[in-house]
Each structure stands twice: as structure tokens, then as C-alpha cells.
């Protein structure tokens, strides 16, 4: 009879839960409704706005709250036009 390892089973169950929670969140192009919002609004994962006042954000609960409070709006683009990727800030060298 094969030996039963409870840690291996626990790891498999944990991985199954993680896999079930994984889902791809859409990315949307958004812009601020007032220029002063661009300085203070920053998405926790996607970052802040470019000087143009437009950027790409994950379409998650944070973005939905900003849409509902009126501080941002979704920028509609033609299907053949791709939005620019957000610029990553340069890392400081040590």
C-alpha cells in the first residue's frame, strides 16, 4: 500500500484554489475628467496618468469605483487602434 502524504494533498488543494481564482482582468484606456485629478489618482497596480491625462488601467473594482465617482472616464478607441503601453518609471541604481 502506498504511503499517504497529507502535505502533498494539502498542496494540491491549495493549488486548485489558486487556479480557480485566476482570471484575466481586462485593461481599459481611461482619462481624468479634471486635469487636477491626474496628479493625485494612481491605480494600485497600473500606476498614474501620463501628461496627456490618459493611461491604461486594469478594469477592476478600483477602476469601477473611480468611474462611479466621476473622476475618470473610459476612452473609446476604434477597434484597429491600439492604446500605448504605460511607461514604467526608471529604477534607481544603487
PDB file of N, CA and C in Angstrom:
ATOM      1  N   UNK A   1       0.839  -1.183   0.000  1.00  0.00           N
ATOM      2  CA  UNK A   1       0.000   0.000   0.000  1.00  0.00           C
ATOM      3  C   UNK A   1       0.885   1.248   0.000  1.00  0.00           C
ATOM      4  N   UNK A   2       0.578   2.202  -0.856  1.00  0.00           N
ATOM      5  CA  UNK A   2       1.373   3.421  -0.960  1.00  0.00           C
ATOM      6  C   UNK A   2       1.149   4.307   0.254  1.00  0.00           C
ATOM      7  N   UNK A   3       2.213   4.982   0.646  1.00  0.00           N
ATOM      8  CA  UNK A   3       2.134   5.876   1.808  1.00  0.00           C
ATOM      9  C   UNK A   3       1.409   7.160   1.401  1.00  0.00           C
ATOM     10  N   UNK A   4       0.534   7.653   2.267  1.00  0.00           N
ATOM     11  CA  UNK A   4      -0.272   8.845   2.003  1.00  0.00           C
ATOM     12  C   UNK A   4       0.413  10.046   2.659  1.00  0.00           C
ATOM     13  N   UNK A   5       0.749  11.065   1.862  1.00  0.00           N
ATOM     14  CA  UNK A   5       1.405  12.262   2.372  1.00  0.00           C
ATOM     15  C   UNK A   5       0.373  13.392   2.457  1.00  0.00           C
ATOM     16  N   UNK A   6      -0.040  13.786   3.690  1.00  0.00           N
ATOM     17  CA  UNK A   6      -1.068  14.832   3.829  1.00  0.00           C
ATOM     18  C   UNK A   6      -0.600  16.189   3.312  1.00  0.00           C
ATOM     19  N   UNK A   7       0.702  16.452   3.378  1.00  0.00           N
ATOM     20  CA  UNK A   7       1.195  17.743   2.879  1.00  0.00           C
ATOM     21  C   UNK A   7       1.062  17.840   1.368  1.00  0.00           C
ATOM     22  N   UNK A   8       1.265  16.740   0.676  1.00  0.00           N
ATOM     23  CA  UNK A   8       1.123  16.743  -0.778  1.00  0.00           C
ATOM     24  C   UNK A   8      -0.329  17.004  -1.172  1.00  0.00           C
ATOM     25  N   UNK A   9      -1.241  16.404  -0.451  1.00  0.00           N
ATOM     26  CA  UNK A   9      -2.670  16.606  -0.736  1.00  0.00           C
ATOM     27  C   UNK A   9      -3.051  18.051  -0.443  1.00  0.00           C
ATOM     28  N   UNK A  10      -2.541  18.587   0.671  1.00  0.00           N
ATOM     29  CA  UNK A  10      -2.849  19.971   1.023  1.00  0.00           C
ATOM     30  C   UNK A  10      -2.321  20.919  -0.050  1.00  0.00           C
ATOM     31  N   UNK A  11      -1.122  20.651  -0.552  1.00  0.00           N
ATOM     32  CA  UNK A  11      -0.551  21.478  -1.613  1.00  0.00           C
ATOM     33  C   UNK A  11      -1.367  21.427  -2.881  1.00  0.00           C
ATOM     34  N   UNK A  12      -1.890  20.248  -3.206  1.00  0.00           N
ATOM     35  CA  UNK A  12      -2.719  20.108  -4.402  1.00  0.00           C
ATOM     36  C   UNK A  12      -4.037  20.872  -4.247  1.00  0.00           C
ATOM     37  N   UNK A  13      -4.622  20.790  -3.054  1.00  0.00           N
ATOM     38  CA  UNK A  13      -5.875  21.522  -2.813  1.00  0.00           C
ATOM     39  C   UNK A  13      -5.644  23.025  -2.885  1.00  0.00           C
ATOM     40  N   UNK A  14      -4.541  23.482  -2.303  1.00  0.00           N
ATOM     41  CA  UNK A  14      -4.205  24.910  -2.323  1.00  0.00           C
ATOM     42  C   UNK A  14      -4.007  25.375  -3.767  1.00  0.00           C
ATOM     43  N   UNK A  15      -3.265  24.620  -4.548  1.00  0.00           N
ATOM     44  CA  UNK A  15      -3.025  24.988  -5.939  1.00  0.00           C
ATOM     45  C   UNK A  15      -4.329  25.007  -6.738  1.00  0.00           C
ATOM     46  N   UNK A  16      -5.225  24.088  -6.439  1.00  0.00           N
ATOM     47  CA  UNK A  16      -6.523  24.060  -7.120  1.00  0.00           C
ATOM     48  C   UNK A  16      -7.322  25.332  -6.801  1.00  0.00           C
ATOM     49  N   UNK A  17      -7.270  25.799  -5.549  1.00  0.00           N
ATOM     50  CA  UNK A  17      -7.965  27.038  -5.171  1.00  0.00           C
ATOM     51  C   UNK A  17      -7.359  28.241  -5.886  1.00  0.00           C
ATOM     52  N   UNK A  18      -6.026  28.285  -5.946  1.00  0.00           N
ATOM     53  CA  UNK A  18      -5.350  29.390  -6.623  1.00  0.00           C
ATOM     54  C   UNK A  18      -5.712  29.409  -8.100  1.00  0.00           C
ATOM     55  N   UNK A  19      -5.702  28.245  -8.732  1.00  0.00           N
ATOM     56  CA  UNK A  19      -6.057  28.158 -10.147  1.00  0.00           C
ATOM     57  C   UNK A  19      -7.496  28.595 -10.393  1.00  0.00           C
ATOM     58  N   UNK A  20      -8.389  28.268  -9.462  1.00  0.00           N
ATOM     59  CA  UNK A  20      -9.797  28.652  -9.607  1.00  0.00           C
ATOM     60  C   UNK A  20      -9.967  30.164  -9.486  1.00  0.00           C
ATOM     61  N   UNK A  21      -9.102  30.821  -8.710  1.00  0.00           N
ATOM     62  CA  UNK A  21      -9.207  32.262  -8.519  1.00  0.00           C
ATOM     63  C   UNK A  21      -8.568  33.065  -9.653  1.00  0.00           C
ATOM     64  N   UNK A  22      -7.698  32.429 -10.411  1.00  0.00           N
ATOM     65  CA  UNK A  22      -7.026  33.127 -11.505  1.00  0.00           C
ATOM     66  C   UNK A  22      -8.037  33.456 -12.598  1.00  0.00           C
ATOM     67  N   UNK A  23      -8.036  34.677 -12.983  1.00  0.00           N
ATOM     68  CA  UNK A  23      -8.815  35.088 -14.139  1.00  0.00           C
ATOM     69  C   UNK A  23      -8.156  36.338 -14.697  1.00  0.00           C
ATOM     70  N   UNK A  24      -8.305  36.510 -15.951  1.00  0.00           N
ATOM     71  CA  UNK A  24      -7.667  37.637 -16.594  1.00  0.00           C
ATOM     72  C   UNK A  24      -8.568  38.859 -16.498  1.00  0.00           C
ATOM     73  N   UNK A  25      -8.003  39.957 -16.014  1.00  0.00           N
ATOM     74  CA  UNK A  25      -8.735  41.205 -15.892  1.00  0.00           C
ATOM     75  C   UNK A  25      -8.443  42.039 -17.134  1.00  0.00           C
ATOM     76  N   UNK A  26      -9.483  42.571 -17.735  1.00  0.00           N
ATOM     77  CA  UNK A  26      -9.327  43.379 -18.937  1.00  0.00           C
ATOM     78  C   UNK A  26      -8.603  44.686 -18.614  1.00  0.00           C
ATOM     79  N   UNK A  27      -7.941  45.228 -19.608  1.00  0.00           N
ATOM     80  CA  UNK A  27      -7.271  46.519 -19.488  1.00  0.00           C
ATOM     81  C   UNK A  27      -8.072  47.522 -20.298  1.00  0.00           C
ATOM     82  N   UNK A  28      -8.326  48.694 -19.704  1.00  0.00           N
ATOM     83  CA  UNK A  28      -9.078  49.741 -20.388  1.00  0.00           C
ATOM     84  C   UNK A  28      -8.256  51.020 -20.418  1.00  0.00           C
ATOM     85  N   UNK A  29      -8.486  51.818 -21.431  1.00  0.00           N
ATOM     86  CA  UNK A  29      -7.851  53.123 -21.529  1.00  0.00           C
ATOM     87  C   UNK A  29      -8.769  54.129 -20.844  1.00  0.00           C
ATOM     88  N   UNK A  30      -8.216  54.864 -19.873  1.00  0.00           N
ATOM     89  CA  UNK A  30      -9.023  55.833 -19.123  1.00  0.00           C
ATOM     90  C   UNK A  30      -8.352  57.200 -19.154  1.00  0.00           C
ATOM     91  N   UNK A  31      -9.162  58.224 -18.949  1.00  0.00           N
ATOM     92  CA  UNK A  31      -8.644  59.582 -18.827  1.00  0.00           C
ATOM     93  C   UNK A  31      -9.354  60.263 -17.669  1.00  0.00           C
ATOM     94  N   UNK A  32      -8.710  61.278 -17.109  1.00  0.00           N
ATOM     95  CA  UNK A  32      -9.288  62.008 -15.983  1.00  0.00           C
ATOM     96  C   UNK A  32     -10.346  62.970 -16.495  1.00  0.00           C
ATOM     97  N   UNK A  33     -11.321  63.264 -15.646  1.00  0.00           N
ATOM     98  CA  UNK A  33     -12.366  64.204 -16.039  1.00  0.00           C
ATOM     99  C   UNK A  33     -11.952  65.641 -15.744  1.00  0.00           C
ATOM    100  N   UNK A  34     -11.022  65.834 -14.803  1.00  0.00           N
ATOM    101  CA  UNK A  34     -10.473  67.159 -14.499  1.00  0.00           C
ATOM    102  C   UNK A  34      -8.952  67.033 -14.443  1.00  0.00           C
ATOM    103  N   UNK A  35      -8.226  68.002 -14.986  1.00  0.00           N
ATOM    104  CA  UNK A  35      -6.759  67.898 -15.025  1.00  0.00           C
ATOM    105  C   UNK A  35      -6.113  67.725 -13.645  1.00  0.00           C
ATOM    106  N   UNK A  36      -6.680  68.301 -12.613  1.00  0.00           N
ATOM    107  CA  UNK A  36      -6.075  68.188 -11.277  1.00  0.00           C
ATOM    108  C   UNK A  36      -6.147  66.760 -10.714  1.00  0.00           C
ATOM    109  N   UNK A  37      -7.045  65.952 -11.247  1.00  0.00           N
ATOM    110  CA  UNK A  37      -7.126  64.553 -10.799  1.00  0.00           C
ATOM    111  C   UNK A  37      -5.911  63.735 -11.240  1.00  0.00           C
ATOM    112  N   UNK A  38      -5.284  64.122 -12.344  1.00  0.00           N
ATOM    113  CA  UNK A  38      -4.157  63.359 -12.876  1.00  0.00           C
ATOM    114  C   UNK A  38      -2.993  63.318 -11.893  1.00  0.00           C
ATOM    115  N   UNK A  39      -2.844  64.356 -11.084  1.00  0.00           N
ATOM    116  CA  UNK A  39      -1.737  64.388 -10.120  1.00  0.00           C
ATOM    117  C   UNK A  39      -1.972  63.492  -8.929  1.00  0.00           C
ATOM    118  N   UNK A  40      -3.217  63.306  -8.541  1.00  0.00           N
ATOM    119  CA  UNK A  40      -3.495  62.589  -7.290  1.00  0.00           C
ATOM    120  C   UNK A  40      -4.006  61.164  -7.472  1.00  0.00           C
ATOM    121  N   UNK A  41      -4.548  60.838  -8.633  1.00  0.00           N
ATOM    122  CA  UNK A  41      -5.072  59.491  -8.846  1.00  0.00           C
ATOM    123  C   UNK A  41      -3.994  58.556  -9.368  1.00  0.00           C
ATOM    124  N   UNK A  42      -3.826  57.447  -8.679  1.00  0.00           N
ATOM    125  CA  UNK A  42      -2.881  56.416  -9.117  1.00  0.00           C
ATOM    126  C   UNK A  42      -3.511  55.063  -8.854  1.00  0.00           C
ATOM    127  N   UNK A  43      -3.528  54.223  -9.875  1.00  0.00           N
ATOM    128  CA  UNK A  43      -4.041  52.865  -9.709  1.00  0.00           C
ATOM    129  C   UNK A  43      -3.017  52.071  -8.905  1.00  0.00           C
ATOM    130  N   UNK A  44      -3.461  51.239  -7.953  1.00  0.00           N
ATOM    131  CA  UNK A  44      -2.518  50.486  -7.122  1.00  0.00           C
ATOM    132  C   UNK A  44      -1.575  49.581  -7.910  1.00  0.00           C
ATOM    133  N   UNK A  45      -1.996  49.091  -9.071  1.00  0.00           N
ATOM    134  CA  UNK A  45      -1.151  48.192  -9.849  1.00  0.00           C
ATOM    135  C   UNK A  45      -0.695  48.809 -11.169  1.00  0.00           C
ATOM    136  N   UNK A  46      -1.512  49.653 -11.763  1.00  0.00           N
ATOM    137  CA  UNK A  46      -1.209  50.194 -13.086  1.00  0.00           C
ATOM    138  C   UNK A  46      -0.505  51.538 -13.049  1.00  0.00           C
ATOM    139  N   UNK A  47      -0.523  52.228 -11.922  1.00  0.00           N
ATOM    140  CA  UNK A  47       0.190  53.499 -11.803  1.00  0.00           C
ATOM    141  C   UNK A  47      -0.657  54.712 -12.125  1.00  0.00           C
ATOM    142  N   UNK A  48       0.050  55.831 -12.329  1.00  0.00           N
ATOM    143  CA  UNK A  48      -0.610  57.113 -12.544  1.00  0.00           C
ATOM    144  C   UNK A  48      -0.850  57.436 -14.002  1.00  0.00           C
ATOM    145  N   UNK A  49      -1.176  58.708 -14.238  1.00  0.00           N
ATOM    146  CA  UNK A  49      -1.514  59.180 -15.579  1.00  0.00           C
ATOM    147  C   UNK A  49      -0.326  59.820 -16.256  1.00  0.00           C
ATOM    148  N   UNK A  50      -0.322  59.772 -17.603  1.00  0.00           N
ATOM    149  CA  UNK A  50       0.687  60.477 -18.385  1.00  0.00           C
ATOM    150  C   UNK A  50       0.287  61.949 -18.443  1.00  0.00           C
ATOM    151  N   UNK A  51       1.158  62.771 -18.978  1.00  0.00           N
ATOM    152  CA  UNK A  51       0.871  64.206 -19.078  1.00  0.00           C
ATOM    153  C   UNK A  51      -0.367  64.485 -19.914  1.00  0.00           C
ATOM    154  N   UNK A  52      -0.681  63.586 -20.821  1.00  0.00           N
ATOM    155  CA  UNK A  52      -1.866  63.764 -21.661  1.00  0.00           C
ATOM    156  C   UNK A  52      -3.157  63.548 -20.878  1.00  0.00           C
ATOM    157  N   UNK A  53      -3.041  62.971 -19.667  1.00  0.00           N
ATOM    158  CA  UNK A  53      -4.229  62.710 -18.857  1.00  0.00           C
ATOM    159  C   UNK A  53      -4.883  61.383 -19.165  1.00  0.00           C
ATOM    160  N   UNK A  54      -4.192  60.538 -19.920  1.00  0.00           N
ATOM    161  CA  UNK A  54      -4.743  59.249 -20.320  1.00  0.00           C
ATOM    162  C   UNK A  54      -3.753  58.137 -19.966  1.00  0.00           C
ATOM    163  N   UNK A  55      -4.262  56.954 -19.635  1.00  0.00           N
ATOM    164  CA  UNK A  55      -3.400  55.810 -19.344  1.00  0.00           C
ATOM    165  C   UNK A  55      -4.197  54.520 -19.432  1.00  0.00           C
ATOM    166  N   UNK A  56      -3.516  53.398 -19.298  1.00  0.00           N
ATOM    167  CA  UNK A  56      -4.160  52.083 -19.279  1.00  0.00           C
ATOM    168  C   UNK A  56      -4.259  51.607 -17.840  1.00  0.00           C
ATOM    169  N   UNK A  57      -5.438  51.195 -17.440  1.00  0.00           N
ATOM    170  CA  UNK A  57      -5.669  50.655 -16.103  1.00  0.00           C
ATOM    171  C   UNK A  57      -6.351  49.299 -16.235  1.00  0.00           C
ATOM    172  N   UNK A  58      -6.127  48.461 -15.244  1.00  0.00           N
ATOM    173  CA  UNK A  58      -6.886  47.220 -15.149  1.00  0.00           C
ATOM    174  C   UNK A  58      -8.338  47.576 -14.881  1.00  0.00           C
ATOM    175  N   UNK A  59      -9.254  46.875 -15.494  1.00  0.00           N
ATOM    176  CA  UNK A  59     -10.678  47.137 -15.273  1.00  0.00           C
ATOM    177  C   UNK A  59     -11.143  46.317 -14.069  1.00  0.00           C
ATOM    178  N   UNK A  60     -10.728  46.766 -12.883  1.00  0.00           N
ATOM    179  CA  UNK A  60     -11.038  46.053 -11.651  1.00  0.00           C
ATOM    180  C   UNK A  60     -11.932  46.913 -10.766  1.00  0.00           C
ATOM    181  N   UNK A  61     -12.103  46.514  -9.521  1.00  0.00           N
ATOM    182  CA  UNK A  61     -13.012  47.238  -8.625  1.00  0.00           C
ATOM    183  C   UNK A  61     -12.528  48.660  -8.353  1.00  0.00           C
ATOM    184  N   UNK A  62     -11.200  48.879  -8.303  1.00  0.00           N
ATOM    185  CA  UNK A  62     -10.676  50.231  -8.094  1.00  0.00           C
ATOM    186  C   UNK A  62     -11.108  51.145  -9.244  1.00  0.00           C
ATOM    187  N   UNK A  63     -10.922  50.669 -10.467  1.00  0.00           N
ATOM    188  CA  UNK A  63     -11.298  51.448 -11.644  1.00  0.00           C
ATOM    189  C   UNK A  63     -12.806  51.686 -11.674  1.00  0.00           C
ATOM    190  N   UNK A  64     -13.580  50.672 -11.331  1.00  0.00           N
ATOM    191  CA  UNK A  64     -15.042  50.829 -11.317  1.00  0.00           C
ATOM    192  C   UNK A  64     -15.485  51.877 -10.295  1.00  0.00           C
ATOM    193  N   UNK A  65     -14.821  51.935  -9.133  1.00  0.00           N
ATOM    194  CA  UNK A  65     -15.161  52.959  -8.134  1.00  0.00           C
ATOM    195  C   UNK A  65     -14.847  54.352  -8.661  1.00  0.00           C
ATOM    196  N   UNK A  66     -13.711  54.509  -9.352  1.00  0.00           N
ATOM    197  CA  UNK A  66     -13.345  55.823  -9.916  1.00  0.00           C
ATOM    198  C   UNK A  66     -14.320  56.217 -11.026  1.00  0.00           C
ATOM    199  N   UNK A  67     -14.784  55.246 -11.814  1.00  0.00           N
ATOM    200  CA  UNK A  67     -15.790  55.542 -12.836  1.00  0.00           C
ATOM    201  C   UNK A  67     -17.095  55.996 -12.190  1.00  0.00           C
ATOM    202  N   UNK A  68     -17.505  55.302 -11.131  1.00  0.00           N
ATOM    203  CA  UNK A  68     -18.758  55.638 -10.452  1.00  0.00           C
ATOM    204  C   UNK A  68     -18.711  57.004  -9.771  1.00  0.00           C
ATOM    205  N   UNK A  69     -17.536  57.389  -9.230  1.00  0.00           N
ATOM    206  CA  UNK A  69     -17.470  58.699  -8.572  1.00  0.00           C
ATOM    207  C   UNK A  69     -17.214  59.833  -9.571  1.00  0.00           C
ATOM    208  N   UNK A  70     -16.985  59.494 -10.838  1.00  0.00           N
ATOM    209  CA  UNK A  70     -16.877  60.514 -11.884  1.00  0.00           C
ATOM    210  C   UNK A  70     -15.501  61.123 -12.052  1.00  0.00           C
ATOM    211  N   UNK A  71     -14.477  60.569 -11.433  1.00  0.00           N
ATOM    212  CA  UNK A  71     -13.146  61.157 -11.555  1.00  0.00           C
ATOM    213  C   UNK A  71     -12.422  60.710 -12.825  1.00  0.00           C
ATOM    214  N   UNK A  72     -12.850  59.609 -13.429  1.00  0.00           N
ATOM    215  CA  UNK A  72     -12.275  59.149 -14.697  1.00  0.00           C
ATOM    216  C   UNK A  72     -13.390  58.744 -15.647  1.00  0.00           C
ATOM    217  N   UNK A  73     -13.025  58.578 -16.917  1.00  0.00           N
ATOM    218  CA  UNK A  73     -13.958  58.028 -17.906  1.00  0.00           C
ATOM    219  C   UNK A  73     -13.155  57.136 -18.839  1.00  0.00           C
ATOM    220  N   UNK A  74     -13.825  56.157 -19.424  1.00  0.00           N
ATOM    221  CA  UNK A  74     -13.189  55.238 -20.359  1.00  0.00           C
ATOM    222  C   UNK A  74     -13.074  55.917 -21.714  1.00  0.00           C
ATOM    223  N   UNK A  75     -11.904  55.798 -22.321  1.00  0.00           N
ATOM    224  CA  UNK A  75     -11.657  56.367 -23.643  1.00  0.00           C
ATOM    225  C   UNK A  75     -11.998  55.297 -24.664  1.00  0.00           C
ATOM    226  N   UNK A  76     -12.982  55.576 -25.494  1.00  0.00           N
ATOM    227  CA  UNK A  76     -13.378  54.646 -26.546  1.00  0.00           C
ATOM    228  C   UNK A  76     -12.427  54.798 -27.713  1.00  0.00           C
ATOM    229  N   UNK A  77     -11.927  53.671 -28.207  1.00  0.00           N
ATOM    230  CA  UNK A  77     -10.989  53.688 -29.326  1.00  0.00           C
ATOM    231  C   UNK A  77     -11.548  52.839 -30.457  1.00  0.00           C
ATOM    232  N   UNK A  78     -11.211  53.189 -31.700  1.00  0.00           N
ATOM    233  CA  UNK A  78     -11.591  52.317 -32.815  1.00  0.00           C
ATOM    234  C   UNK A  78     -10.935  50.947 -32.641  1.00  0.00           C
ATOM    235  N   UNK A  79     -11.535  49.924 -33.165  1.00  0.00           N
ATOM    236  CA  UNK A  79     -11.052  48.556 -32.965  1.00  0.00           C
ATOM    237  C   UNK A  79      -9.647  48.349 -33.515  1.00  0.00           C
ATOM    238  N   UNK A  80      -9.268  49.068 -34.590  1.00  0.00           N
ATOM    239  CA  UNK A  80      -7.950  48.861 -35.182  1.00  0.00           C
ATOM    240  C   UNK A  80      -6.843  49.676 -34.509  1.00  0.00           C
ATOM    241  N   UNK A  81      -7.193  50.584 -33.606  1.00  0.00           N
ATOM    242  CA  UNK A  81      -6.202  51.425 -32.933  1.00  0.00           C
ATOM    243  C   UNK A  81      -5.818  50.814 -31.590  1.00  0.00           C
ATOM    244  N   UNK A  82      -4.527  50.595 -31.385  1.00  0.00           N
ATOM    245  CA  UNK A  82      -4.055  50.031 -30.126  1.00  0.00           C
ATOM    246  C   UNK A  82      -3.610  51.152 -29.195  1.00  0.00           C
ATOM    247  N   UNK A  83      -3.968  51.082 -27.920  1.00  0.00           N
ATOM    248  CA  UNK A  83      -3.507  52.110 -26.980  1.00  0.00           C
ATOM    249  C   UNK A  83      -2.023  51.933 -26.691  1.00  0.00           C
ATOM    250  N   UNK A  84      -1.380  53.035 -26.312  1.00  0.00           N
ATOM    251  CA  UNK A  84       0.031  52.972 -25.947  1.00  0.00           C
ATOM    252  C   UNK A  84       0.179  52.260 -24.621  1.00  0.00           C
ATOM    253  N   UNK A  85       1.285  51.538 -24.474  1.00  0.00           N
ATOM    254  CA  UNK A  85       1.558  50.877 -23.198  1.00  0.00           C
ATOM    255  C   UNK A  85       2.054  51.928 -22.221  1.00  0.00           C
ATOM    256  N   UNK A  86       1.675  51.799 -20.938  1.00  0.00           N
ATOM    257  CA  UNK A  86       2.146  52.781 -19.957  1.00  0.00           C
ATOM    258  C   UNK A  86       3.658  52.663 -19.775  1.00  0.00           C
ATOM    259  N   UNK A  87       4.277  53.815 -19.563  1.00  0.00           N
ATOM    260  CA  UNK A  87       5.717  53.839 -19.352  1.00  0.00           C
ATOM    261  C   UNK A  87       6.020  53.458 -17.905  1.00  0.00           C
ATOM    262  N   UNK A  88       7.024  52.606 -17.733  1.00  0.00           N
ATOM    263  CA  UNK A  88       7.432  52.249 -16.389  1.00  0.00           C
ATOM    264  C   UNK A  88       8.469  53.247 -15.924  1.00  0.00           C
ATOM    265  N   UNK A  89       8.378  53.670 -14.659  1.00  0.00           N
ATOM    266  CA  UNK A  89       9.381  54.622 -14.167  1.00  0.00           C
ATOM    267  C   UNK A  89      10.755  53.959 -14.118  1.00  0.00           C
ATOM    268  N   UNK A  90      11.783  54.764 -14.348  1.00  0.00           N
ATOM    269  CA  UNK A  90      13.137  54.243 -14.319  1.00  0.00           C
ATOM    270  C   UNK A  90      13.500  53.853 -12.894  1.00  0.00           C
ATOM    271  N   UNK A  91      14.196  52.730 -12.763  1.00  0.00           N
ATOM    272  CA  UNK A  91      14.620  52.277 -11.445  1.00  0.00           C
ATOM    273  C   UNK A  91      15.901  52.995 -11.052  1.00  0.00           C
ATOM    274  N   UNK A  92      15.972  53.336  -9.799  1.00  0.00           N
ATOM    275  CA  UNK A  92      17.178  53.988  -9.295  1.00  0.00           C
ATOM    276  C   UNK A  92      18.282  52.947  -9.142  1.00  0.00           C
ATOM    277  N   UNK A  93      19.485  53.300  -9.588  1.00  0.00           N
ATOM    278  CA  UNK A  93      20.593  52.356  -9.435  1.00  0.00           C
ATOM    279  C   UNK A  93      21.260  52.569  -8.090  1.00  0.00           C
ATOM    280  N   UNK A  94      21.682  51.486  -7.497  1.00  0.00           N
ATOM    281  CA  UNK A  94      22.294  51.559  -6.168  1.00  0.00           C
ATOM    282  C   UNK A  94      23.766  51.380  -6.232  1.00  0.00           C
TER     283      UNK A  94
END
